[in-house]
Amino acid sequence: MSQYDEGHTVAGWTGTAIATIGSAVVGAGICTVSAVLITGGLGIVAASVLVTWTLHLSGWGKPPGVRPRGQWRMGARDLSAREGHPECWSCRLAGRGRRATARVTEVVPVVTGEEEPAVAEAR
């Protein structure tokens, strides 16, 4: 098994199964020249994208890249999905994984309304 293990997830296999059914319906619609079947099949394929995305965001998909061996099995749930995966466009589309930490680089004095001593003496 590869160390990346891409697509070996509940989300990946469920989406693939639904898309395969949708493609079969589209194919049957083309063979029978049925606009209803073609449209229905395309709807099923679109639903497969939404189902896969929903499963990925709920933790049944995995982030891209190297994962520890304990997370290689297909039924392993990704608990870091709630915060969003840093390199995942699917998480970014959902508004996850964009949180940047702010760093303080210098301290700026706060003006409280009183004049500074140097300004008061110059007058």
PDB file of N, CA and C in Angstrom:
ATOM      1  N   MET A   1       0.851  -1.173   0.000  1.00  0.00           N
ATOM      2  CA  MET A   1       0.000   0.000   0.000  1.00  0.00           C
ATOM      3  C   MET A   1       0.893   1.230   0.000  1.00  0.00           C
ATOM      4  N   SER A   2       0.530   2.234  -0.754  1.00  0.00           N
ATOM      5  CA  SER A   2       1.336   3.445  -0.840  1.00  0.00           C
ATOM      6  C   SER A   2       1.222   4.250   0.436  1.00  0.00           C
ATOM      7  N   GLN A   3       2.259   5.033   0.729  1.00  0.00           N
ATOM      8  CA  GLN A   3       2.217   5.830   1.957  1.00  0.00           C
ATOM      9  C   GLN A   3       1.280   7.017   1.847  1.00  0.00           C
ATOM     10  N   TYR A   4       0.873   7.391   0.644  1.00  0.00           N
ATOM     11  CA  TYR A   4      -0.066   8.490   0.485  1.00  0.00           C
ATOM     12  C   TYR A   4      -1.502   8.012   0.619  1.00  0.00           C
ATOM     13  N   ASP A   5      -1.808   6.832   0.119  1.00  0.00           N
ATOM     14  CA  ASP A   5      -3.120   6.221   0.297  1.00  0.00           C
ATOM     15  C   ASP A   5      -4.252   7.130  -0.168  1.00  0.00           C
ATOM     16  N   GLU A   6      -4.047   7.873  -1.249  1.00  0.00           N
ATOM     17  CA  GLU A   6      -5.057   8.806  -1.759  1.00  0.00           C
ATOM     18  C   GLU A   6      -6.302   8.057  -2.224  1.00  0.00           C
ATOM     19  N   GLY A   7      -7.461   8.520  -1.828  1.00  0.00           N
ATOM     20  CA  GLY A   7      -8.725   7.992  -2.311  1.00  0.00           C
ATOM     21  C   GLY A   7      -9.220   6.747  -1.625  1.00  0.00           C
ATOM     22  N   HIS A   8      -8.426   6.167  -0.741  1.00  0.00           N
ATOM     23  CA  HIS A   8      -8.870   4.961  -0.054  1.00  0.00           C
ATOM     24  C   HIS A   8      -9.638   5.355   1.194  1.00  0.00           C
ATOM     25  N   THR A   9     -10.758   6.039   0.966  1.00  0.00           N
ATOM     26  CA  THR A   9     -11.565   6.541   2.074  1.00  0.00           C
ATOM     27  C   THR A   9     -13.029   6.225   1.810  1.00  0.00           C
ATOM     28  N   VAL A  10     -13.825   6.345   2.845  1.00  0.00           N
ATOM     29  CA  VAL A  10     -15.265   6.158   2.699  1.00  0.00           C
ATOM     30  C   VAL A  10     -15.815   7.204   1.719  1.00  0.00           C
ATOM     31  N   ALA A  11     -15.350   8.442   1.842  1.00  0.00           N
ATOM     32  CA  ALA A  11     -15.819   9.498   0.943  1.00  0.00           C
ATOM     33  C   ALA A  11     -15.441   9.206  -0.507  1.00  0.00           C
ATOM     34  N   GLY A  12     -14.214   8.766  -0.727  1.00  0.00           N
ATOM     35  CA  GLY A  12     -13.756   8.477  -2.084  1.00  0.00           C
ATOM     36  C   GLY A  12     -14.516   7.341  -2.746  1.00  0.00           C
ATOM     37  N   TRP A  13     -14.683   6.245  -2.026  1.00  0.00           N
ATOM     38  CA  TRP A  13     -15.372   5.101  -2.613  1.00  0.00           C
ATOM     39  C   TRP A  13     -16.874   5.337  -2.780  1.00  0.00           C
ATOM     40  N   THR A  14     -17.479   6.043  -1.844  1.00  0.00           N
ATOM     41  CA  THR A  14     -18.915   6.339  -1.965  1.00  0.00           C
ATOM     42  C   THR A  14     -19.163   7.249  -3.164  1.00  0.00           C
ATOM     43  N   GLY A  15     -18.333   8.284  -3.291  1.00  0.00           N
ATOM     44  CA  GLY A  15     -18.473   9.191  -4.435  1.00  0.00           C
ATOM     45  C   GLY A  15     -18.246   8.486  -5.758  1.00  0.00           C
ATOM     46  N   THR A  16     -17.272   7.583  -5.795  1.00  0.00           N
ATOM     47  CA  THR A  16     -17.000   6.829  -7.023  1.00  0.00           C
ATOM     48  C   THR A  16     -18.171   5.918  -7.381  1.00  0.00           C
ATOM     49  N   ALA A  17     -18.752   5.262  -6.397  1.00  0.00           N
ATOM     50  CA  ALA A  17     -19.892   4.371  -6.664  1.00  0.00           C
ATOM     51  C   ALA A  17     -21.090   5.152  -7.199  1.00  0.00           C
ATOM     52  N   ILE A  18     -21.384   6.295  -6.575  1.00  0.00           N
ATOM     53  CA  ILE A  18     -22.518   7.095  -7.043  1.00  0.00           C
ATOM     54  C   ILE A  18     -22.256   7.645  -8.436  1.00  0.00           C
ATOM     55  N   ALA A  19     -21.030   8.100  -8.697  1.00  0.00           N
ATOM     56  CA  ALA A  19     -20.687   8.627 -10.033  1.00  0.00           C
ATOM     57  C   ALA A  19     -20.746   7.528 -11.095  1.00  0.00           C
ATOM     58  N   THR A  20     -20.385   6.310 -10.729  1.00  0.00           N
ATOM     59  CA  THR A  20     -20.465   5.189 -11.674  1.00  0.00           C
ATOM     60  C   THR A  20     -21.916   4.903 -12.048  1.00  0.00           C
ATOM     61  N   ILE A  21     -22.798   4.928 -11.063  1.00  0.00           N
ATOM     62  CA  ILE A  21     -24.228   4.728 -11.343  1.00  0.00           C
ATOM     63  C   ILE A  21     -24.754   5.851 -12.238  1.00  0.00           C
ATOM     64  N   GLY A  22     -24.378   7.085 -11.927  1.00  0.00           N
ATOM     65  CA  GLY A  22     -24.801   8.219 -12.754  1.00  0.00           C
ATOM     66  C   GLY A  22     -24.296   8.111 -14.178  1.00  0.00           C
ATOM     67  N   SER A  23     -23.046   7.668 -14.347  1.00  0.00           N
ATOM     68  CA  SER A  23     -22.492   7.499 -15.695  1.00  0.00           C
ATOM     69  C   SER A  23     -23.224   6.402 -16.460  1.00  0.00           C
ATOM     70  N   ALA A  24     -23.604   5.336 -15.758  1.00  0.00           N
ATOM     71  CA  ALA A  24     -24.356   4.261 -16.403  1.00  0.00           C
ATOM     72  C   ALA A  24     -25.725   4.763 -16.864  1.00  0.00           C
ATOM     73  N   VAL A  25     -26.358   5.606 -16.045  1.00  0.00           N
ATOM     74  CA  VAL A  25     -27.663   6.162 -16.430  1.00  0.00           C
ATOM     75  C   VAL A  25     -27.504   7.095 -17.628  1.00  0.00           C
ATOM     76  N   VAL A  26     -26.438   7.904 -17.646  1.00  0.00           N
ATOM     77  CA  VAL A  26     -26.183   8.777 -18.802  1.00  0.00           C
ATOM     78  C   VAL A  26     -25.960   7.927 -20.051  1.00  0.00           C
ATOM     79  N   GLY A  27     -25.178   6.863 -19.914  1.00  0.00           N
ATOM     80  CA  GLY A  27     -24.927   5.972 -21.049  1.00  0.00           C
ATOM     81  C   GLY A  27     -26.195   5.321 -21.566  1.00  0.00           C
ATOM     82  N   ALA A  28     -27.048   4.893 -20.644  1.00  0.00           N
ATOM     83  CA  ALA A  28     -28.331   4.310 -21.060  1.00  0.00           C
ATOM     84  C   ALA A  28     -29.193   5.352 -21.752  1.00  0.00           C
ATOM     85  N   GLY A  29     -29.140   6.588 -21.275  1.00  0.00           N
ATOM     86  CA  GLY A  29     -29.894   7.667 -21.914  1.00  0.00           C
ATOM     87  C   GLY A  29     -29.398   7.972 -23.308  1.00  0.00           C
ATOM     88  N   ILE A  30     -28.086   7.894 -23.507  1.00  0.00           N
ATOM     89  CA  ILE A  30     -27.534   8.127 -24.844  1.00  0.00           C
ATOM     90  C   ILE A  30     -27.937   6.993 -25.785  1.00  0.00           C
ATOM     91  N   CYS A  31     -27.884   5.759 -25.294  1.00  0.00           N
ATOM     92  CA  CYS A  31     -28.238   4.613 -26.143  1.00  0.00           C
ATOM     93  C   CYS A  31     -29.716   4.611 -26.519  1.00  0.00           C
ATOM     94  N   THR A  32     -30.565   5.047 -25.610  1.00  0.00           N
ATOM     95  CA  THR A  32     -32.002   5.044 -25.888  1.00  0.00           C
ATOM     96  C   THR A  32     -32.514   6.405 -26.373  1.00  0.00           C
ATOM     97  N   VAL A  33     -31.611   7.358 -26.537  1.00  0.00           N
ATOM     98  CA  VAL A  33     -31.942   8.719 -26.961  1.00  0.00           C
ATOM     99  C   VAL A  33     -33.049   9.299 -26.064  1.00  0.00           C
ATOM    100  N   SER A  34     -32.771   9.273 -24.757  1.00  0.00           N
ATOM    101  CA  SER A  34     -33.734   9.744 -23.786  1.00  0.00           C
ATOM    102  C   SER A  34     -33.133  10.920 -23.013  1.00  0.00           C
ATOM    103  N   ALA A  35     -33.716  12.091 -23.226  1.00  0.00           N
ATOM    104  CA  ALA A  35     -33.244  13.283 -22.531  1.00  0.00           C
ATOM    105  C   ALA A  35     -33.472  13.171 -21.021  1.00  0.00           C
ATOM    106  N   VAL A  36     -34.521  12.467 -20.640  1.00  0.00           N
ATOM    107  CA  VAL A  36     -34.823  12.298 -19.216  1.00  0.00           C
ATOM    108  C   VAL A  36     -33.711  11.507 -18.527  1.00  0.00           C
ATOM    109  N   LEU A  37     -33.282  10.407 -19.154  1.00  0.00           N
ATOM    110  CA  LEU A  37     -32.209   9.604 -18.567  1.00  0.00           C
ATOM    111  C   LEU A  37     -30.880  10.357 -18.553  1.00  0.00           C
ATOM    112  N   ILE A  38     -30.584  11.077 -19.610  1.00  0.00           N
ATOM    113  CA  ILE A  38     -29.334  11.844 -19.655  1.00  0.00           C
ATOM    114  C   ILE A  38     -29.321  12.901 -18.558  1.00  0.00           C
ATOM    115  N   THR A  39     -30.414  13.633 -18.434  1.00  0.00           N
ATOM    116  CA  THR A  39     -30.500  14.667 -17.405  1.00  0.00           C
ATOM    117  C   THR A  39     -30.457  14.058 -16.009  1.00  0.00           C
ATOM    118  N   GLY A  40     -31.163  12.970 -15.824  1.00  0.00           N
ATOM    119  CA  GLY A  40     -31.150  12.290 -14.521  1.00  0.00           C
ATOM    120  C   GLY A  40     -29.767  11.763 -14.164  1.00  0.00           C
ATOM    121  N   GLY A  41     -29.082  11.199 -15.144  1.00  0.00           N
ATOM    122  CA  GLY A  41     -27.724  10.690 -14.913  1.00  0.00           C
ATOM    123  C   GLY A  41     -26.751  11.803 -14.566  1.00  0.00           C
ATOM    124  N   LEU A  42     -26.876  12.937 -15.260  1.00  0.00           N
ATOM    125  CA  LEU A  42     -26.014  14.073 -14.941  1.00  0.00           C
ATOM    126  C   LEU A  42     -26.323  14.612 -13.538  1.00  0.00           C
ATOM    127  N   GLY A  43     -27.577  14.554 -13.134  1.00  0.00           N
ATOM    128  CA  GLY A  43     -27.943  14.949 -11.772  1.00  0.00           C
ATOM    129  C   GLY A  43     -27.338  14.026 -10.731  1.00  0.00           C
ATOM    130  N   ILE A  44     -27.299  12.725 -11.039  1.00  0.00           N
ATOM    131  CA  ILE A  44     -26.696  11.758 -10.122  1.00  0.00           C
ATOM    132  C   ILE A  44     -25.195  11.995 -10.008  1.00  0.00           C
ATOM    133  N   VAL A  45     -24.544  12.302 -11.128  1.00  0.00           N
ATOM    134  CA  VAL A  45     -23.107  12.599 -11.096  1.00  0.00           C
ATOM    135  C   VAL A  45     -22.849  13.858 -10.263  1.00  0.00           C
ATOM    136  N   ALA A  46     -23.676  14.883 -10.428  1.00  0.00           N
ATOM    137  CA  ALA A  46     -23.522  16.099  -9.626  1.00  0.00           C
ATOM    138  C   ALA A  46     -23.749  15.799  -8.142  1.00  0.00           C
ATOM    139  N   ALA A  47     -24.703  14.930  -7.855  1.00  0.00           N
ATOM    140  CA  ALA A  47     -24.960  14.549  -6.457  1.00  0.00           C
ATOM    141  C   ALA A  47     -23.766  13.806  -5.869  1.00  0.00           C
ATOM    142  N   SER A  48     -23.064  13.033  -6.699  1.00  0.00           N
ATOM    143  CA  SER A  48     -21.895  12.311  -6.196  1.00  0.00           C
ATOM    144  C   SER A  48     -20.807  13.275  -5.727  1.00  0.00           C
ATOM    145  N   VAL A  49     -20.664  14.393  -6.414  1.00  0.00           N
ATOM    146  CA  VAL A  49     -19.681  15.404  -6.002  1.00  0.00           C
ATOM    147  C   VAL A  49     -20.075  15.983  -4.643  1.00  0.00           C
ATOM    148  N   LEU A  50     -21.343  16.299  -4.473  1.00  0.00           N
ATOM    149  CA  LEU A  50     -21.808  16.879  -3.216  1.00  0.00           C
ATOM    150  C   LEU A  50     -21.717  15.884  -2.057  1.00  0.00           C
ATOM    151  N   VAL A  51     -22.035  14.626  -2.319  1.00  0.00           N
ATOM    152  CA  VAL A  51     -21.956  13.595  -1.280  1.00  0.00           C
ATOM    153  C   VAL A  51     -20.497  13.390  -0.867  1.00  0.00           C
ATOM    154  N   THR A  52     -19.590  13.323  -1.838  1.00  0.00           N
ATOM    155  CA  THR A  52     -18.174  13.150  -1.529  1.00  0.00           C
ATOM    156  C   THR A  52     -17.646  14.321  -0.716  1.00  0.00           C
ATOM    157  N   TRP A  53     -18.028  15.535  -1.101  1.00  0.00           N
ATOM    158  CA  TRP A  53     -17.584  16.735  -0.397  1.00  0.00           C
ATOM    159  C   TRP A  53     -18.112  16.747   1.044  1.00  0.00           C
ATOM    160  N   THR A  54     -19.376  16.407   1.211  1.00  0.00           N
ATOM    161  CA  THR A  54     -19.971  16.372   2.545  1.00  0.00           C
ATOM    162  C   THR A  54     -19.290  15.328   3.425  1.00  0.00           C
ATOM    163  N   LEU A  55     -19.031  14.148   2.877  1.00  0.00           N
ATOM    164  CA  LEU A  55     -18.351  13.109   3.646  1.00  0.00           C
ATOM    165  C   LEU A  55     -16.924  13.520   4.001  1.00  0.00           C
ATOM    166  N   HIS A  56     -16.238  14.184   3.079  1.00  0.00           N
ATOM    167  CA  HIS A  56     -14.878  14.649   3.348  1.00  0.00           C
ATOM    168  C   HIS A  56     -14.872  15.661   4.494  1.00  0.00           C
ATOM    169  N   LEU A  57     -15.807  16.596   4.461  1.00  0.00           N
ATOM    170  CA  LEU A  57     -15.858  17.626   5.496  1.00  0.00           C
ATOM    171  C   LEU A  57     -16.283  17.076   6.852  1.00  0.00           C
ATOM    172  N   SER A  58     -17.002  15.952   6.849  1.00  0.00           N
ATOM    173  CA  SER A  58     -17.416  15.355   8.115  1.00  0.00           C
ATOM    174  C   SER A  58     -16.376  14.372   8.661  1.00  0.00           C
ATOM    175  N   GLY A  59     -15.236  14.246   7.986  1.00  0.00           N
ATOM    176  CA  GLY A  59     -14.144  13.440   8.511  1.00  0.00           C
ATOM    177  C   GLY A  59     -13.953  12.089   7.863  1.00  0.00           C
ATOM    178  N   TRP A  60     -14.748  11.746   6.861  1.00  0.00           N
ATOM    179  CA  TRP A  60     -14.617  10.445   6.204  1.00  0.00           C
ATOM    180  C   TRP A  60     -13.708  10.490   4.992  1.00  0.00           C
ATOM    181  N   GLY A  61     -13.158  11.652   4.693  1.00  0.00           N
ATOM    182  CA  GLY A  61     -12.114  11.783   3.680  1.00  0.00           C
ATOM    183  C   GLY A  61     -10.825  12.088   4.394  1.00  0.00           C
ATOM    184  N   LYS A  62      -9.717  12.058   3.680  1.00  0.00           N
ATOM    185  CA  LYS A  62      -8.439  12.312   4.319  1.00  0.00           C
ATOM    186  C   LYS A  62      -7.717  13.439   3.599  1.00  0.00           C
ATOM    187  N   PRO A  63      -6.827  14.140   4.304  1.00  0.00           N
ATOM    188  CA  PRO A  63      -6.087  15.219   3.665  1.00  0.00           C
ATOM    189  C   PRO A  63      -5.047  14.672   2.698  1.00  0.00           C
ATOM    190  N   PRO A  64      -4.599  15.492   1.749  1.00  0.00           N
ATOM    191  CA  PRO A  64      -3.536  15.044   0.854  1.00  0.00           C
ATOM    192  C   PRO A  64      -2.209  14.938   1.598  1.00  0.00           C
ATOM    193  N   GLY A  65      -1.336  14.095   1.100  1.00  0.00           N
ATOM    194  CA  GLY A  65      -0.004  13.987   1.679  1.00  0.00           C
ATOM    195  C   GLY A  65       0.182  12.740   2.513  1.00  0.00           C
ATOM    196  N   VAL A  66       1.345  12.673   3.143  1.00  0.00           N
ATOM    197  CA  VAL A  66       1.730  11.511   3.935  1.00  0.00           C
ATOM    198  C   VAL A  66       0.953  11.493   5.251  1.00  0.00           C
ATOM    199  N   ARG A  67       0.430  10.326   5.588  1.00  0.00           N
ATOM    200  CA  ARG A  67      -0.292  10.148   6.849  1.00  0.00           C
ATOM    201  C   ARG A  67       0.363   9.027   7.645  1.00  0.00           C
ATOM    202  N   PRO A  68       0.192   9.031   8.950  1.00  0.00           N
ATOM    203  CA  PRO A  68       0.730   7.935   9.757  1.00  0.00           C
ATOM    204  C   PRO A  68       0.084   6.602   9.378  1.00  0.00           C
ATOM    205  N   ARG A  69       0.811   5.537   9.575  1.00  0.00           N
ATOM    206  CA  ARG A  69       0.331   4.206   9.184  1.00  0.00           C
ATOM    207  C   ARG A  69      -0.990   3.851   9.866  1.00  0.00           C
ATOM    208  N   GLY A  70      -1.249   4.329  11.046  1.00  0.00           N
ATOM    209  CA  GLY A  70      -2.492   4.035  11.753  1.00  0.00           C
ATOM    210  C   GLY A  70      -3.727   4.601  11.073  1.00  0.00           C
ATOM    211  N   GLN A  71      -3.549   5.555  10.171  1.00  0.00           N
ATOM    212  CA  GLN A  71      -4.678   6.163   9.464  1.00  0.00           C
ATOM    213  C   GLN A  71      -4.829   5.642   8.035  1.00  0.00           C
ATOM    214  N   TRP A  72      -4.107   4.574   7.682  1.00  0.00           N
ATOM    215  CA  TRP A  72      -4.166   4.056   6.318  1.00  0.00           C
ATOM    216  C   TRP A  72      -5.411   3.240   6.036  1.00  0.00           C
ATOM    217  N   ARG A  73      -6.042   2.665   7.032  1.00  0.00           N
ATOM    218  CA  ARG A  73      -7.204   1.824   6.738  1.00  0.00           C
ATOM    219  C   ARG A  73      -8.370   2.691   6.265  1.00  0.00           C
ATOM    220  N   MET A  74      -9.230   2.119   5.445  1.00  0.00           N
ATOM    221  CA  MET A  74     -10.295   2.883   4.824  1.00  0.00           C
ATOM    222  C   MET A  74     -11.291   3.442   5.826  1.00  0.00           C
ATOM    223  N   GLY A  75     -11.580   2.737   6.886  1.00  0.00           N
ATOM    224  CA  GLY A  75     -12.573   3.181   7.850  1.00  0.00           C
ATOM    225  C   GLY A  75     -12.057   4.163   8.887  1.00  0.00           C
ATOM    226  N   ALA A  76     -10.804   4.589   8.771  1.00  0.00           N
ATOM    227  CA  ALA A  76     -10.254   5.530   9.748  1.00  0.00           C
ATOM    228  C   ALA A  76     -10.843   6.919   9.512  1.00  0.00           C
ATOM    229  N   ARG A  77     -11.355   7.493  10.574  1.00  0.00           N
ATOM    230  CA  ARG A  77     -11.961   8.819  10.468  1.00  0.00           C
ATOM    231  C   ARG A  77     -10.908   9.879  10.763  1.00  0.00           C
ATOM    232  N   ASP A  78     -10.910  10.939   9.965  1.00  0.00           N
ATOM    233  CA  ASP A  78      -9.956  12.025  10.126  1.00  0.00           C
ATOM    234  C   ASP A  78     -10.544  13.055  11.083  1.00  0.00           C
ATOM    235  N   LEU A  79      -9.988  13.141  12.277  1.00  0.00           N
ATOM    236  CA  LEU A  79     -10.519  14.044  13.285  1.00  0.00           C
ATOM    237  C   LEU A  79     -10.073  15.490  13.079  1.00  0.00           C
ATOM    238  N   SER A  80      -9.102  15.722  12.199  1.00  0.00           N
ATOM    239  CA  SER A  80      -8.636  17.093  11.950  1.00  0.00           C
ATOM    240  C   SER A  80      -9.451  17.803  10.878  1.00  0.00           C
ATOM    241  N   ALA A  81     -10.470  17.160  10.351  1.00  0.00           N
ATOM    242  CA  ALA A  81     -11.256  17.748   9.258  1.00  0.00           C
ATOM    243  C   ALA A  81     -12.066  18.953   9.708  1.00  0.00           C
ATOM    244  N   ARG A  82     -12.410  19.027  10.958  1.00  0.00           N
ATOM    245  CA  ARG A  82     -13.218  20.150  11.444  1.00  0.00           C
ATOM    246  C   ARG A  82     -12.484  21.480  11.301  1.00  0.00           C
ATOM    247  N   GLU A  83     -11.168  21.482  11.529  1.00  0.00           N
ATOM    248  CA  GLU A  83     -10.386  22.704  11.386  1.00  0.00           C
ATOM    249  C   GLU A  83     -10.038  22.984   9.925  1.00  0.00           C
ATOM    250  N   GLY A  84     -10.081  21.978   9.086  1.00  0.00           N
ATOM    251  CA  GLY A  84      -9.735  22.127   7.677  1.00  0.00           C
ATOM    252  C   GLY A  84      -8.301  21.697   7.434  1.00  0.00           C
ATOM    253  N   HIS A  85      -8.067  21.112   6.283  1.00  0.00           N
ATOM    254  CA  HIS A  85      -6.729  20.674   5.915  1.00  0.00           C
ATOM    255  C   HIS A  85      -6.009  21.823   5.205  1.00  0.00           C
ATOM    256  N   PRO A  86      -4.756  22.091   5.533  1.00  0.00           N
ATOM    257  CA  PRO A  86      -4.062  23.258   4.995  1.00  0.00           C
ATOM    258  C   PRO A  86      -3.940  23.291   3.469  1.00  0.00           C
ATOM    259  N   GLU A  87      -3.716  22.180   2.814  1.00  0.00           N
ATOM    260  CA  GLU A  87      -3.504  22.153   1.370  1.00  0.00           C
ATOM    261  C   GLU A  87      -4.729  21.668   0.592  1.00  0.00           C
ATOM    262  N   CYS A  88      -5.875  21.616   1.213  1.00  0.00           N
ATOM    263  CA  CYS A  88      -7.062  21.005   0.615  1.00  0.00           C
ATOM    264  C   CYS A  88      -8.000  22.069   0.043  1.00  0.00           C
ATOM    265  N   TRP A  89      -8.211  22.052  -1.277  1.00  0.00           N
ATOM    266  CA  TRP A  89      -9.105  23.042  -1.901  1.00  0.00           C
ATOM    267  C   TRP A  89     -10.550  22.787  -1.513  1.00  0.00           C
ATOM    268  N   SER A  90     -10.890  21.545  -1.204  1.00  0.00           N
ATOM    269  CA  SER A  90     -12.251  21.237  -0.777  1.00  0.00           C
ATOM    270  C   SER A  90     -12.565  21.899   0.561  1.00  0.00           C
ATOM    271  N   CYS A  91     -11.611  21.858   1.473  1.00  0.00           N
ATOM    272  CA  CYS A  91     -11.805  22.527   2.767  1.00  0.00           C
ATOM    273  C   CYS A  91     -11.832  24.043   2.591  1.00  0.00           C
ATOM    274  N   ARG A  92     -11.018  24.550   1.696  1.00  0.00           N
ATOM    275  CA  ARG A  92     -11.010  26.005   1.461  1.00  0.00           C
ATOM    276  C   ARG A  92     -12.323  26.484   0.857  1.00  0.00           C
ATOM    277  N   LEU A  93     -12.930  25.672  -0.007  1.00  0.00           N
ATOM    278  CA  LEU A  93     -14.237  26.038  -0.557  1.00  0.00           C
ATOM    279  C   LEU A  93     -15.293  26.114   0.551  1.00  0.00           C
ATOM    280  N   ALA A  94     -15.120  25.317   1.585  1.00  0.00           N
ATOM    281  CA  ALA A  94     -16.055  25.329   2.704  1.00  0.00           C
ATOM    282  C   ALA A  94     -15.706  26.391   3.745  1.00  0.00           C
ATOM    283  N   GLY A  95     -14.621  27.139   3.512  1.00  0.00           N
ATOM    284  CA  GLY A  95     -14.220  28.180   4.448  1.00  0.00           C
ATOM    285  C   GLY A  95     -13.395  27.671   5.614  1.00  0.00           C
ATOM    286  N   ARG A  96     -12.820  26.489   5.468  1.00  0.00           N
ATOM    287  CA  ARG A  96     -11.993  25.920   6.528  1.00  0.00           C
ATOM    288  C   ARG A  96     -10.525  25.997   6.124  1.00  0.00           C
ATOM    289  N   GLY A  97      -9.645  25.967   7.108  1.00  0.00           N
ATOM    290  CA  GLY A  97      -8.219  25.906   6.831  1.00  0.00           C
ATOM    291  C   GLY A  97      -7.595  27.223   6.442  1.00  0.00           C
ATOM    292  N   ARG A  98      -8.287  28.329   6.579  1.00  0.00           N
ATOM    293  CA  ARG A  98      -7.726  29.630   6.212  1.00  0.00           C
ATOM    294  C   ARG A  98      -7.315  30.453   7.421  1.00  0.00           C
ATOM    295  N   ARG A  99      -7.404  29.908   8.575  1.00  0.00           N
ATOM    296  CA  ARG A  99      -7.097  30.673   9.776  1.00  0.00           C
ATOM    297  C   ARG A  99      -5.596  30.895   9.871  1.00  0.00           C
ATOM    298  N   ALA A 100      -5.192  32.139   9.861  1.00  0.00           N
ATOM    299  CA  ALA A 100      -3.781  32.477  10.008  1.00  0.00           C
ATOM    300  C   ALA A 100      -3.551  32.992  11.425  1.00  0.00           C
ATOM    301  N   THR A 101      -2.424  32.655  11.977  1.00  0.00           N
ATOM    302  CA  THR A 101      -2.116  33.152  13.309  1.00  0.00           C
ATOM    303  C   THR A 101      -1.429  34.492  13.186  1.00  0.00           C
ATOM    304  N   ALA A 102      -1.845  35.427  13.994  1.00  0.00           N
ATOM    305  CA  ALA A 102      -1.250  36.765  13.978  1.00  0.00           C
ATOM    306  C   ALA A 102      -0.025  36.774  14.881  1.00  0.00           C
ATOM    307  N   ARG A 103       1.037  37.399  14.400  1.00  0.00           N
ATOM    308  CA  ARG A 103       2.258  37.505  15.179  1.00  0.00           C
ATOM    309  C   ARG A 103       2.516  38.972  15.493  1.00  0.00           C
ATOM    310  N   VAL A 104       2.900  39.239  16.711  1.00  0.00           N
ATOM    311  CA  VAL A 104       3.243  40.594  17.114  1.00  0.00           C
ATOM    312  C   VAL A 104       4.732  40.766  16.893  1.00  0.00           C
ATOM    313  N   THR A 105       5.116  41.721  16.066  1.00  0.00           N
ATOM    314  CA  THR A 105       6.529  41.930  15.775  1.00  0.00           C
ATOM    315  C   THR A 105       7.120  43.090  16.555  1.00  0.00           C
ATOM    316  N   GLU A 106       6.325  44.092  16.905  1.00  0.00           N
ATOM    317  CA  GLU A 106       6.835  45.190  17.705  1.00  0.00           C
ATOM    318  C   GLU A 106       5.716  45.733  18.585  1.00  0.00           C
ATOM    319  N   VAL A 107       6.123  46.366  19.645  1.00  0.00           N
ATOM    320  CA  VAL A 107       5.162  46.930  20.576  1.00  0.00           C
ATOM    321  C   VAL A 107       4.969  48.396  20.227  1.00  0.00           C
ATOM    322  N   VAL A 108       3.736  48.806  20.064  1.00  0.00           N
ATOM    323  CA  VAL A 108       3.411  50.187  19.730  1.00  0.00           C
ATOM    324  C   VAL A 108       2.749  50.812  20.950  1.00  0.00           C
ATOM    325  N   PRO A 109       3.237  51.989  21.417  1.00  0.00           N
ATOM    326  CA  PRO A 109       2.621  52.606  22.587  1.00  0.00           C
ATOM    327  C   PRO A 109       1.208  53.072  22.276  1.00  0.00           C
ATOM    328  N   VAL A 110       0.361  52.987  23.274  1.00  0.00           N
ATOM    329  CA  VAL A 110      -1.028  53.396  23.130  1.00  0.00           C
ATOM    330  C   VAL A 110      -1.154  54.832  23.615  1.00  0.00           C
ATOM    331  N   VAL A 111      -1.754  55.697  22.809  1.00  0.00           N
ATOM    332  CA  VAL A 111      -1.960  57.094  23.174  1.00  0.00           C
ATOM    333  C   VAL A 111      -3.249  57.176  23.975  1.00  0.00           C
ATOM    334  N   THR A 112      -3.163  57.734  25.177  1.00  0.00           N
ATOM    335  CA  THR A 112      -4.326  57.793  26.060  1.00  0.00           C
ATOM    336  C   THR A 112      -4.983  59.166  26.075  1.00  0.00           C
ATOM    337  N   GLY A 113      -4.490  60.088  25.287  1.00  0.00           N
ATOM    338  CA  GLY A 113      -5.074  61.423  25.258  1.00  0.00           C
ATOM    339  C   GLY A 113      -4.221  62.438  25.986  1.00  0.00           C
ATOM    340  N   GLU A 114      -3.298  61.990  26.833  1.00  0.00           N
ATOM    341  CA  GLU A 114      -2.393  62.898  27.526  1.00  0.00           C
ATOM    342  C   GLU A 114      -1.216  63.202  26.615  1.00  0.00           C
ATOM    343  N   GLU A 115      -0.683  64.400  26.732  1.00  0.00           N
ATOM    344  CA  GLU A 115       0.478  64.761  25.927  1.00  0.00           C
ATOM    345  C   GLU A 115       1.717  64.105  26.506  1.00  0.00           C
ATOM    346  N   GLU A 116       2.640  63.784  25.619  1.00  0.00           N
ATOM    347  CA  GLU A 116       3.889  63.213  26.072  1.00  0.00           C
ATOM    348  C   GLU A 116       4.708  64.296  26.774  1.00  0.00           C
ATOM    349  N   PRO A 117       5.578  63.947  27.704  1.00  0.00           N
ATOM    350  CA  PRO A 117       6.359  64.940  28.465  1.00  0.00           C
ATOM    351  C   PRO A 117       7.210  65.860  27.566  1.00  0.00           C
ATOM    352  N   ALA A 118       7.812  65.326  26.505  1.00  0.00           N
ATOM    353  CA  ALA A 118       8.652  66.155  25.635  1.00  0.00           C
ATOM    354  C   ALA A 118       7.823  67.201  24.925  1.00  0.00           C
ATOM    355  N   VAL A 119       6.607  66.882  24.559  1.00  0.00           N
ATOM    356  CA  VAL A 119       5.733  67.823  23.867  1.00  0.00           C
ATOM    357  C   VAL A 119       5.254  68.901  24.840  1.00  0.00           C
ATOM    358  N   ALA A 120       4.950  68.519  26.090  1.00  0.00           N
ATOM    359  CA  ALA A 120       4.470  69.467  27.090  1.00  0.00           C
ATOM    360  C   ALA A 120       5.566  70.453  27.493  1.00  0.00           C
ATOM    361  N   GLU A 121       6.840  70.007  27.586  1.00  0.00           N
ATOM    362  CA  GLU A 121       7.936  70.893  27.961  1.00  0.00           C
ATOM    363  C   GLU A 121       8.283  71.871  26.858  1.00  0.00           C
ATOM    364  N   ALA A 122       8.087  71.522  25.608  1.00  0.00           N
ATOM    365  CA  ALA A 122       8.431  72.386  24.478  1.00  0.00           C
ATOM    366  C   ALA A 122       7.501  73.587  24.392  1.00  0.00           C
ATOM    367  N   ARG A 123       6.358  73.544  24.981  1.00  0.00           N
ATOM    368  CA  ARG A 123       5.402  74.647  24.902  1.00  0.00           C
ATOM    369  C   ARG A 123       5.671  75.671  25.883  1.00  0.00           C
TER     370      ARG A 123
END
